N, C-alpha and C. Protein backbone atom coordinates (compact mmCIF):
# COMPACT_ATOMS: atom_id res chain seq x y z
N MET A 1 21.47 71.24 -30.23
CA MET A 1 20.13 70.90 -30.59
C MET A 1 19.91 69.43 -30.26
N ALA A 2 18.78 69.13 -29.68
CA ALA A 2 18.46 67.76 -29.33
C ALA A 2 17.33 67.26 -30.22
N CYS A 3 17.34 65.99 -30.51
CA CYS A 3 16.28 65.39 -31.29
C CYS A 3 15.93 64.07 -30.64
N ARG A 4 14.68 63.87 -30.35
CA ARG A 4 14.26 62.60 -29.78
C ARG A 4 12.90 62.24 -30.38
N CYS A 5 12.55 60.99 -30.29
CA CYS A 5 11.27 60.56 -30.86
C CYS A 5 10.16 60.76 -29.86
N TRP A 6 9.06 61.25 -30.34
CA TRP A 6 7.90 61.53 -29.52
C TRP A 6 6.78 60.65 -30.02
N PRO A 7 6.33 59.67 -29.22
CA PRO A 7 5.29 58.74 -29.70
C PRO A 7 3.98 59.46 -29.97
N SER A 8 3.34 59.06 -31.04
CA SER A 8 2.06 59.64 -31.42
C SER A 8 1.03 58.52 -31.44
N LYS A 9 -0.14 58.76 -30.91
CA LYS A 9 -1.17 57.73 -30.78
C LYS A 9 -1.48 57.09 -32.13
N GLY A 10 -1.28 55.79 -32.24
CA GLY A 10 -1.61 55.05 -33.44
C GLY A 10 -0.63 55.23 -34.59
N ARG A 11 0.45 55.96 -34.38
CA ARG A 11 1.42 56.19 -35.45
C ARG A 11 2.83 55.93 -34.94
N ALA A 12 3.73 55.83 -35.89
CA ALA A 12 5.14 55.66 -35.52
C ALA A 12 5.63 56.93 -34.82
N ALA A 13 6.68 56.77 -34.05
CA ALA A 13 7.23 57.92 -33.33
C ALA A 13 7.70 58.98 -34.32
N ALA A 14 7.36 60.22 -34.03
CA ALA A 14 7.79 61.35 -34.85
C ALA A 14 8.93 62.07 -34.14
N PRO A 15 9.88 62.58 -34.89
CA PRO A 15 10.99 63.27 -34.22
C PRO A 15 10.54 64.59 -33.60
N LEU A 16 11.03 64.86 -32.42
CA LEU A 16 10.82 66.13 -31.75
C LEU A 16 12.17 66.83 -31.76
N ILE A 17 12.23 67.97 -32.38
CA ILE A 17 13.50 68.69 -32.47
C ILE A 17 13.45 69.83 -31.47
N ASP A 18 14.38 69.81 -30.53
CA ASP A 18 14.47 70.85 -29.50
C ASP A 18 15.71 71.67 -29.78
N PRO A 19 15.56 72.91 -30.29
CA PRO A 19 16.73 73.72 -30.61
C PRO A 19 17.42 74.33 -29.40
N ASN A 20 16.93 74.04 -28.20
CA ASN A 20 17.55 74.52 -26.96
C ASN A 20 17.68 76.05 -26.91
N TYR A 21 16.62 76.73 -27.35
CA TYR A 21 16.64 78.18 -27.25
C TYR A 21 16.95 78.59 -25.82
N TRP A 22 17.75 79.57 -25.66
CA TRP A 22 18.09 80.16 -24.37
C TRP A 22 18.81 79.20 -23.42
N SER A 23 19.49 78.21 -23.94
CA SER A 23 20.26 77.34 -23.06
C SER A 23 21.50 78.06 -22.53
N ASP A 24 21.91 79.11 -23.21
CA ASP A 24 23.06 79.90 -22.79
C ASP A 24 22.55 81.15 -22.05
N PRO A 25 23.10 81.45 -20.87
CA PRO A 25 22.66 82.63 -20.11
C PRO A 25 22.75 83.93 -20.92
N TYR A 26 23.74 84.06 -21.78
CA TYR A 26 23.87 85.26 -22.61
C TYR A 26 22.65 85.41 -23.52
N ASP A 27 22.18 84.31 -24.10
CA ASP A 27 21.01 84.36 -24.97
C ASP A 27 19.77 84.79 -24.19
N ARG A 28 19.61 84.28 -22.98
CA ARG A 28 18.48 84.68 -22.15
C ARG A 28 18.55 86.16 -21.83
N GLU A 29 19.73 86.64 -21.45
CA GLU A 29 19.91 88.05 -21.12
C GLU A 29 19.56 88.95 -22.31
N ARG A 30 20.04 88.58 -23.51
CA ARG A 30 19.78 89.40 -24.70
C ARG A 30 18.29 89.35 -25.06
N SER A 31 17.65 88.22 -24.90
CA SER A 31 16.23 88.11 -25.20
C SER A 31 15.40 88.98 -24.25
N LEU A 32 15.73 88.94 -22.98
CA LEU A 32 15.02 89.79 -22.01
C LEU A 32 15.24 91.27 -22.32
N LYS A 33 16.47 91.62 -22.66
CA LYS A 33 16.76 93.01 -23.01
C LYS A 33 15.94 93.43 -24.23
N GLY A 34 15.84 92.55 -25.23
CA GLY A 34 15.05 92.85 -26.43
C GLY A 34 13.57 93.02 -26.12
N LEU A 35 13.03 92.16 -25.26
CA LEU A 35 11.62 92.29 -24.88
C LEU A 35 11.37 93.59 -24.14
N ARG A 36 12.24 93.92 -23.23
CA ARG A 36 12.08 95.18 -22.49
C ARG A 36 12.24 96.39 -23.42
N LEU A 37 13.14 96.31 -24.39
CA LEU A 37 13.30 97.40 -25.36
C LEU A 37 12.05 97.55 -26.21
N ALA A 38 11.47 96.43 -26.65
CA ALA A 38 10.23 96.49 -27.44
C ALA A 38 9.12 97.14 -26.63
N ARG A 39 9.01 96.78 -25.36
CA ARG A 39 8.01 97.41 -24.49
C ARG A 39 8.24 98.92 -24.41
N ASP A 40 9.49 99.32 -24.25
CA ASP A 40 9.83 100.74 -24.14
C ASP A 40 9.46 101.48 -25.43
N ILE A 41 9.82 100.93 -26.56
CA ILE A 41 9.51 101.57 -27.84
C ILE A 41 8.01 101.72 -28.03
N LEU A 42 7.27 100.66 -27.74
CA LEU A 42 5.82 100.70 -27.95
C LEU A 42 5.08 101.57 -26.94
N SER A 43 5.76 101.98 -25.87
CA SER A 43 5.11 102.85 -24.89
C SER A 43 5.42 104.33 -25.11
N GLN A 44 6.15 104.64 -26.18
CA GLN A 44 6.51 106.03 -26.45
C GLN A 44 5.29 106.85 -26.87
N PRO A 45 5.27 108.14 -26.53
CA PRO A 45 4.12 109.01 -26.85
C PRO A 45 3.71 108.96 -28.33
N ALA A 46 4.68 108.88 -29.24
CA ALA A 46 4.34 108.88 -30.67
C ALA A 46 3.52 107.66 -31.08
N LEU A 47 3.64 106.57 -30.32
CA LEU A 47 2.90 105.35 -30.67
C LEU A 47 1.62 105.15 -29.88
N ARG A 48 1.40 105.96 -28.87
CA ARG A 48 0.20 105.78 -28.02
C ARG A 48 -1.11 105.73 -28.81
N PRO A 49 -1.29 106.56 -29.85
CA PRO A 49 -2.56 106.45 -30.59
C PRO A 49 -2.76 105.11 -31.29
N PHE A 50 -1.68 104.37 -31.48
CA PHE A 50 -1.77 103.13 -32.25
C PHE A 50 -1.71 101.87 -31.39
N VAL A 51 -1.30 102.02 -30.14
CA VAL A 51 -1.17 100.87 -29.24
C VAL A 51 -2.20 101.00 -28.14
N LEU A 52 -3.22 100.18 -28.18
CA LEU A 52 -4.28 100.25 -27.17
C LEU A 52 -3.81 99.66 -25.84
N ALA A 53 -3.13 98.53 -25.90
CA ALA A 53 -2.65 97.86 -24.69
C ALA A 53 -1.68 96.76 -25.08
N GLU A 54 -0.83 96.38 -24.15
CA GLU A 54 0.04 95.23 -24.37
C GLU A 54 -0.77 93.98 -24.04
N ARG A 55 -1.00 93.16 -25.04
CA ARG A 55 -1.80 91.94 -24.84
C ARG A 55 -0.92 90.78 -24.38
N LEU A 56 0.23 90.63 -25.02
CA LEU A 56 1.13 89.53 -24.68
C LEU A 56 2.53 90.07 -24.48
N PRO A 57 3.23 89.74 -23.46
CA PRO A 57 2.81 88.89 -22.36
C PRO A 57 1.87 89.58 -21.39
N GLY A 58 1.69 90.89 -21.51
CA GLY A 58 0.80 91.63 -20.60
C GLY A 58 1.60 92.35 -19.54
N GLN A 59 1.12 93.49 -19.10
CA GLN A 59 1.84 94.32 -18.14
C GLN A 59 2.04 93.65 -16.78
N ALA A 60 1.22 92.65 -16.46
CA ALA A 60 1.38 91.96 -15.18
C ALA A 60 2.66 91.14 -15.13
N ILE A 61 3.19 90.78 -16.29
CA ILE A 61 4.42 89.98 -16.36
C ILE A 61 5.59 90.96 -16.33
N LYS A 62 6.35 90.95 -15.22
CA LYS A 62 7.43 91.92 -15.06
C LYS A 62 8.79 91.31 -14.74
N SER A 63 8.82 90.28 -13.93
CA SER A 63 10.12 89.73 -13.49
C SER A 63 10.81 89.00 -14.64
N ASP A 64 12.12 88.90 -14.55
CA ASP A 64 12.87 88.16 -15.56
C ASP A 64 12.38 86.73 -15.67
N GLU A 65 12.15 86.10 -14.53
CA GLU A 65 11.70 84.70 -14.55
C GLU A 65 10.34 84.57 -15.23
N ASP A 66 9.40 85.47 -14.92
CA ASP A 66 8.08 85.41 -15.55
C ASP A 66 8.17 85.68 -17.05
N LEU A 67 9.03 86.63 -17.44
CA LEU A 67 9.20 86.91 -18.86
C LEU A 67 9.81 85.72 -19.59
N MET A 68 10.77 85.05 -18.95
CA MET A 68 11.37 83.88 -19.59
C MET A 68 10.36 82.74 -19.68
N GLN A 69 9.55 82.56 -18.66
CA GLN A 69 8.53 81.51 -18.73
C GLN A 69 7.55 81.79 -19.87
N TYR A 70 7.19 83.05 -20.05
CA TYR A 70 6.34 83.43 -21.19
C TYR A 70 7.05 83.07 -22.50
N ALA A 71 8.33 83.43 -22.59
CA ALA A 71 9.08 83.14 -23.81
C ALA A 71 9.17 81.64 -24.07
N TYR A 72 9.43 80.85 -23.04
CA TYR A 72 9.52 79.40 -23.20
C TYR A 72 8.22 78.82 -23.75
N ARG A 73 7.10 79.33 -23.26
CA ARG A 73 5.79 78.81 -23.68
C ARG A 73 5.41 79.24 -25.09
N SER A 74 5.87 80.39 -25.54
CA SER A 74 5.33 80.94 -26.78
C SER A 74 6.35 81.11 -27.89
N CYS A 75 7.57 80.67 -27.69
CA CYS A 75 8.59 80.94 -28.71
C CYS A 75 8.37 80.12 -29.97
N LYS A 76 8.83 80.67 -31.04
CA LYS A 76 8.88 80.00 -32.33
C LYS A 76 9.87 80.76 -33.18
N THR A 77 10.20 80.22 -34.30
CA THR A 77 11.09 80.93 -35.20
C THR A 77 10.44 81.06 -36.56
N ASP A 78 10.63 82.19 -37.16
CA ASP A 78 10.19 82.38 -38.54
C ASP A 78 11.38 82.38 -39.48
N HIS A 79 12.52 82.04 -38.90
CA HIS A 79 13.73 82.00 -39.71
C HIS A 79 13.73 80.73 -40.55
N HIS A 80 14.54 80.72 -41.55
CA HIS A 80 14.69 79.57 -42.40
C HIS A 80 16.10 79.03 -42.20
N PRO A 81 16.29 78.18 -41.19
CA PRO A 81 17.64 77.71 -40.90
C PRO A 81 18.26 76.98 -42.09
N VAL A 82 19.47 77.30 -42.36
CA VAL A 82 20.24 76.63 -43.41
C VAL A 82 21.67 76.49 -42.92
N GLY A 83 22.44 75.69 -43.63
CA GLY A 83 23.87 75.69 -43.43
C GLY A 83 24.44 74.85 -42.30
N THR A 84 23.69 73.91 -41.75
CA THR A 84 24.22 73.12 -40.65
C THR A 84 24.99 71.88 -41.12
N CYS A 85 24.85 71.51 -42.39
CA CYS A 85 25.55 70.34 -42.94
C CYS A 85 26.23 70.74 -44.24
N ALA A 86 27.29 71.52 -44.12
CA ALA A 86 27.95 72.09 -45.30
C ALA A 86 28.22 71.04 -46.37
N MET A 87 27.92 71.42 -47.61
CA MET A 87 28.16 70.56 -48.76
C MET A 87 29.42 71.05 -49.46
N GLY A 88 30.27 70.14 -49.87
CA GLY A 88 31.44 70.56 -50.61
C GLY A 88 32.44 69.45 -50.79
N PRO A 89 33.50 69.75 -51.54
CA PRO A 89 34.50 68.71 -51.84
C PRO A 89 35.52 68.50 -50.72
N GLY A 90 35.69 69.45 -49.83
CA GLY A 90 36.72 69.35 -48.80
C GLY A 90 36.34 68.41 -47.67
N GLU A 91 37.34 67.97 -46.92
CA GLU A 91 37.10 67.05 -45.81
C GLU A 91 36.30 67.69 -44.68
N ASN A 92 36.32 69.01 -44.58
CA ASN A 92 35.55 69.68 -43.53
C ASN A 92 34.07 69.78 -43.84
N ALA A 93 33.69 69.50 -45.06
CA ALA A 93 32.27 69.53 -45.43
C ALA A 93 31.59 68.28 -44.90
N VAL A 94 30.41 68.44 -44.37
CA VAL A 94 29.65 67.30 -43.84
C VAL A 94 29.19 66.39 -44.96
N THR A 95 28.76 66.99 -46.07
CA THR A 95 28.26 66.20 -47.19
C THR A 95 29.13 66.42 -48.42
N THR A 96 29.17 65.41 -49.26
CA THR A 96 29.89 65.51 -50.53
C THR A 96 29.02 66.30 -51.51
N PRO A 97 29.57 66.70 -52.65
CA PRO A 97 28.76 67.44 -53.63
C PRO A 97 27.52 66.68 -54.11
N ASP A 98 27.52 65.35 -53.98
CA ASP A 98 26.31 64.60 -54.34
C ASP A 98 25.44 64.31 -53.11
N LEU A 99 25.67 65.08 -52.04
CA LEU A 99 24.84 65.12 -50.83
C LEU A 99 24.97 63.89 -49.93
N LYS A 100 25.99 63.07 -50.13
CA LYS A 100 26.22 61.93 -49.25
C LYS A 100 26.91 62.41 -47.97
N VAL A 101 26.48 61.88 -46.83
CA VAL A 101 27.10 62.24 -45.56
C VAL A 101 28.42 61.48 -45.46
N ARG A 102 29.49 62.23 -45.22
CA ARG A 102 30.81 61.62 -45.12
C ARG A 102 30.86 60.68 -43.92
N GLY A 103 31.33 59.47 -44.13
CA GLY A 103 31.53 58.52 -43.05
C GLY A 103 30.30 57.69 -42.70
N ILE A 104 29.17 57.91 -43.37
CA ILE A 104 27.96 57.12 -43.09
C ILE A 104 27.41 56.65 -44.43
N GLU A 105 27.56 55.38 -44.70
CA GLU A 105 27.12 54.85 -45.98
C GLU A 105 25.59 54.82 -46.09
N GLY A 106 25.09 55.21 -47.24
CA GLY A 106 23.66 55.13 -47.51
C GLY A 106 22.84 56.29 -46.96
N LEU A 107 23.48 57.35 -46.51
CA LEU A 107 22.75 58.49 -45.96
C LEU A 107 23.09 59.76 -46.72
N ARG A 108 22.07 60.48 -47.13
CA ARG A 108 22.24 61.77 -47.79
C ARG A 108 21.47 62.82 -47.00
N VAL A 109 21.88 64.05 -47.12
CA VAL A 109 21.14 65.18 -46.55
C VAL A 109 20.54 65.92 -47.73
N VAL A 110 19.22 66.00 -47.75
CA VAL A 110 18.53 66.62 -48.88
C VAL A 110 17.56 67.65 -48.32
N ASP A 111 18.12 68.76 -47.88
CA ASP A 111 17.30 69.85 -47.37
C ASP A 111 18.13 71.13 -47.34
N ALA A 112 17.61 72.17 -46.75
CA ALA A 112 18.28 73.47 -46.75
C ALA A 112 19.55 73.49 -45.92
N SER A 113 19.79 72.47 -45.13
CA SER A 113 20.98 72.50 -44.28
C SER A 113 22.28 72.41 -45.07
N VAL A 114 22.23 71.97 -46.33
CA VAL A 114 23.45 71.91 -47.13
C VAL A 114 23.80 73.25 -47.77
N MET A 115 22.91 74.22 -47.68
CA MET A 115 23.17 75.54 -48.27
C MET A 115 24.23 76.27 -47.44
N PRO A 116 25.18 76.93 -48.11
CA PRO A 116 26.25 77.60 -47.36
C PRO A 116 25.80 78.88 -46.66
N PHE A 117 24.68 79.47 -47.07
CA PHE A 117 24.18 80.70 -46.45
C PHE A 117 22.69 80.81 -46.72
N VAL A 118 22.00 81.66 -45.97
CA VAL A 118 20.57 81.86 -46.16
C VAL A 118 20.37 82.62 -47.46
N PRO A 119 19.59 82.08 -48.39
CA PRO A 119 19.36 82.81 -49.64
C PRO A 119 18.54 84.07 -49.39
N SER A 120 18.59 85.00 -50.32
CA SER A 120 17.86 86.26 -50.14
C SER A 120 16.39 86.12 -50.55
N CYS A 121 15.92 84.90 -50.60
CA CYS A 121 14.53 84.62 -50.94
C CYS A 121 14.00 83.58 -49.95
N ASN A 122 12.76 83.23 -50.08
CA ASN A 122 12.23 82.13 -49.29
C ASN A 122 13.03 80.88 -49.63
N THR A 123 13.21 79.99 -48.66
CA THR A 123 14.05 78.81 -48.88
C THR A 123 13.35 77.70 -49.67
N ASN A 124 12.08 77.85 -50.00
CA ASN A 124 11.35 76.78 -50.67
C ASN A 124 11.96 76.41 -52.02
N ALA A 125 12.11 77.37 -52.93
CA ALA A 125 12.63 77.07 -54.27
C ALA A 125 14.06 76.53 -54.21
N PRO A 126 14.98 77.14 -53.46
CA PRO A 126 16.32 76.55 -53.39
C PRO A 126 16.32 75.14 -52.80
N THR A 127 15.43 74.87 -51.86
CA THR A 127 15.37 73.52 -51.29
C THR A 127 14.85 72.52 -52.31
N ILE A 128 13.90 72.95 -53.13
CA ILE A 128 13.43 72.08 -54.22
C ILE A 128 14.58 71.80 -55.18
N MET A 129 15.42 72.80 -55.45
CA MET A 129 16.58 72.61 -56.33
C MET A 129 17.54 71.58 -55.73
N VAL A 130 17.76 71.66 -54.42
CA VAL A 130 18.62 70.68 -53.75
C VAL A 130 18.02 69.28 -53.91
N ALA A 131 16.71 69.17 -53.75
CA ALA A 131 16.05 67.87 -53.90
C ALA A 131 16.17 67.35 -55.33
N GLU A 132 16.03 68.23 -56.30
CA GLU A 132 16.19 67.82 -57.71
C GLU A 132 17.63 67.34 -57.96
N LYS A 133 18.59 68.06 -57.40
CA LYS A 133 20.00 67.67 -57.54
C LYS A 133 20.21 66.27 -56.93
N ALA A 134 19.63 66.06 -55.74
CA ALA A 134 19.76 64.76 -55.08
C ALA A 134 19.11 63.66 -55.92
N SER A 135 17.93 63.96 -56.45
CA SER A 135 17.22 62.98 -57.27
C SER A 135 18.07 62.58 -58.48
N ASP A 136 18.66 63.57 -59.14
CA ASP A 136 19.52 63.27 -60.29
C ASP A 136 20.71 62.43 -59.86
N ALA A 137 21.32 62.76 -58.74
CA ALA A 137 22.49 62.01 -58.27
C ALA A 137 22.11 60.57 -57.93
N ILE A 138 20.99 60.38 -57.26
CA ILE A 138 20.54 59.04 -56.88
C ILE A 138 20.23 58.20 -58.12
N LEU A 139 19.63 58.83 -59.13
CA LEU A 139 19.28 58.12 -60.36
C LEU A 139 20.47 58.00 -61.33
N GLY A 140 21.61 58.58 -60.97
CA GLY A 140 22.80 58.48 -61.81
C GLY A 140 22.78 59.39 -63.02
N ARG A 141 21.96 60.40 -63.01
CA ARG A 141 21.91 61.34 -64.13
C ARG A 141 23.08 62.31 -64.08
N LYS A 142 23.63 62.64 -65.22
CA LYS A 142 24.72 63.59 -65.28
C LYS A 142 24.17 65.00 -65.08
N PRO A 143 24.93 65.86 -64.41
CA PRO A 143 24.47 67.24 -64.23
C PRO A 143 24.32 67.95 -65.56
N LEU A 144 23.40 68.88 -65.62
CA LEU A 144 23.23 69.70 -66.81
C LEU A 144 24.46 70.60 -66.96
N PRO A 145 24.74 71.02 -68.19
CA PRO A 145 25.88 71.93 -68.36
C PRO A 145 25.57 73.28 -67.70
N ALA A 146 26.62 73.98 -67.32
CA ALA A 146 26.45 75.28 -66.70
C ALA A 146 25.77 76.24 -67.66
N ALA A 147 24.89 77.06 -67.14
CA ALA A 147 24.21 78.07 -67.94
C ALA A 147 25.17 79.23 -68.19
N VAL A 148 25.18 79.72 -69.40
CA VAL A 148 26.02 80.86 -69.74
C VAL A 148 25.11 82.01 -70.14
N PHE A 149 25.26 83.14 -69.46
CA PHE A 149 24.40 84.29 -69.74
C PHE A 149 25.16 85.36 -70.45
């Protein structure tokens, strides 16, 4: 993943995060296969009454290169990425339990990237919990006792 600053008129540079989708040929191949499979499924007789026409990318787009160009222009993710900066007590963890980045003084990670796995819910509430934990750690507050059910 690449991150660079993108200047904005009249404002400080904002980070542009490029996740490098399809930088690996295998990923491109699987994406094309998925798009072609979706087209095949939606063209089946059982779905004809419900599908008037393919609007995007449209039947005129057929070659692998044209399909990939469509994908490059229109891709997005609805996923909730987590887990890129593991939190924990071990040396392999990127952040300490109080969210400090190992080896970089004065830097904490306070977002969903410290979660070890994608929660089975929207990431908003767990991310707020991470922020509350960070706030308590920064302010020197002791953690609450564990809840017993």
